[in-house]
């Protein structure tokens, strides 16, 4: 699982929690803008409440939709 967030404090906290649960082999959190992130292909993309705070949510959704597998899904 990969998480992307632009807030460095949020990412640092998430990384601490991941380490405390010994989940580092399964979860990666990156301090990066979703608009700049390149990865995939993914089975699914999930946006939390932060989707409503993004300056251009349609652009973000379009960007990550391009990283989905052919039968992948996007959820927000």
Protein backbone atom coordinates (compact mmCIF):
# COMPACT_ATOMS: atom_id res chain seq x y z
CA UNK A 1 0.00 0.00 0.00
CA UNK A 2 1.25 3.46 -0.84
CA UNK A 3 0.04 6.70 0.72
CA UNK A 4 0.82 10.16 -0.59
CA UNK A 5 0.32 13.38 1.35
CA UNK A 6 1.67 16.89 0.98
CA UNK A 7 1.67 17.56 4.75
CA UNK A 8 5.09 16.62 6.15
CA UNK A 9 3.79 16.38 9.74
CA UNK A 10 1.03 13.97 8.68
CA UNK A 11 3.54 11.83 6.79
CA UNK A 12 5.96 11.78 9.74
CA UNK A 13 3.18 10.68 12.09
CA UNK A 14 2.03 7.99 9.68
CA UNK A 15 5.59 6.71 9.29
CA UNK A 16 5.95 6.49 13.07
CA UNK A 17 2.72 4.52 13.37
CA UNK A 18 3.77 2.21 10.54
CA UNK A 19 7.12 1.56 12.21
CA UNK A 20 5.46 0.94 15.59
CA UNK A 21 3.27 -1.72 13.99
CA UNK A 22 6.16 -3.28 12.06
CA UNK A 23 4.17 -2.67 8.88
CA UNK A 24 6.98 -1.12 6.86
CA UNK A 25 7.08 -4.10 4.50
CA UNK A 26 3.45 -3.46 3.61
CA UNK A 27 2.87 0.30 3.81
CA UNK A 28 4.80 3.24 2.39
CA UNK A 29 3.87 6.88 2.96
CA UNK A 30 5.42 9.57 0.78
CA UNK A 31 5.59 13.31 1.35
CA UNK A 32 4.58 14.43 -2.11
CA UNK A 33 1.83 16.23 -3.95
CA UNK A 34 -0.72 13.92 -5.54
CA UNK A 35 -0.45 16.10 -8.64
CA UNK A 36 3.25 15.23 -8.97
CA UNK A 37 3.17 11.60 -7.85
CA UNK A 38 3.82 8.96 -10.51
CA UNK A 39 3.31 5.30 -9.73
CA UNK A 40 1.20 2.27 -10.34
CA UNK A 41 -0.44 0.47 -11.78
CA UNK A 42 -2.83 0.26 -8.84
CA UNK A 43 -5.93 -1.81 -8.14
CA UNK A 44 -7.58 1.11 -6.38
CA UNK A 45 -7.12 4.75 -5.48
CA UNK A 46 -8.72 6.23 -2.37
CA UNK A 47 -9.08 9.85 -1.39
CA UNK A 48 -9.99 10.82 2.16
CA UNK A 49 -11.63 14.08 3.18
CA UNK A 50 -8.57 15.88 1.84
CA UNK A 51 -10.07 15.53 -1.63
CA UNK A 52 -12.42 18.41 -0.85
CA UNK A 53 -9.47 20.62 0.17
CA UNK A 54 -7.49 20.14 -3.02
CA UNK A 55 -7.19 23.18 -5.26
CA UNK A 56 -8.18 21.15 -8.34
CA UNK A 57 -9.85 17.88 -7.31
CA UNK A 58 -10.84 17.02 -10.89
CA UNK A 59 -7.19 17.28 -11.98
CA UNK A 60 -6.11 15.08 -9.06
CA UNK A 61 -8.71 12.44 -9.90
CA UNK A 62 -7.82 12.49 -13.57
CA UNK A 63 -4.12 12.21 -12.73
CA UNK A 64 -4.45 9.17 -10.48
CA UNK A 65 -7.04 7.50 -12.71
CA UNK A 66 -4.25 7.16 -15.24
CA UNK A 67 -2.34 5.03 -12.71
CA UNK A 68 -5.12 2.47 -12.29
CA UNK A 69 -5.02 -1.01 -13.72
CA UNK A 70 -7.51 -1.55 -16.52
CA UNK A 71 -10.13 -2.84 -14.08
CA UNK A 72 -9.10 -0.58 -11.16
CA UNK A 73 -11.39 1.73 -9.21
CA UNK A 74 -11.22 5.19 -7.69
CA UNK A 75 -13.03 6.09 -4.48
CA UNK A 76 -13.44 9.41 -2.68
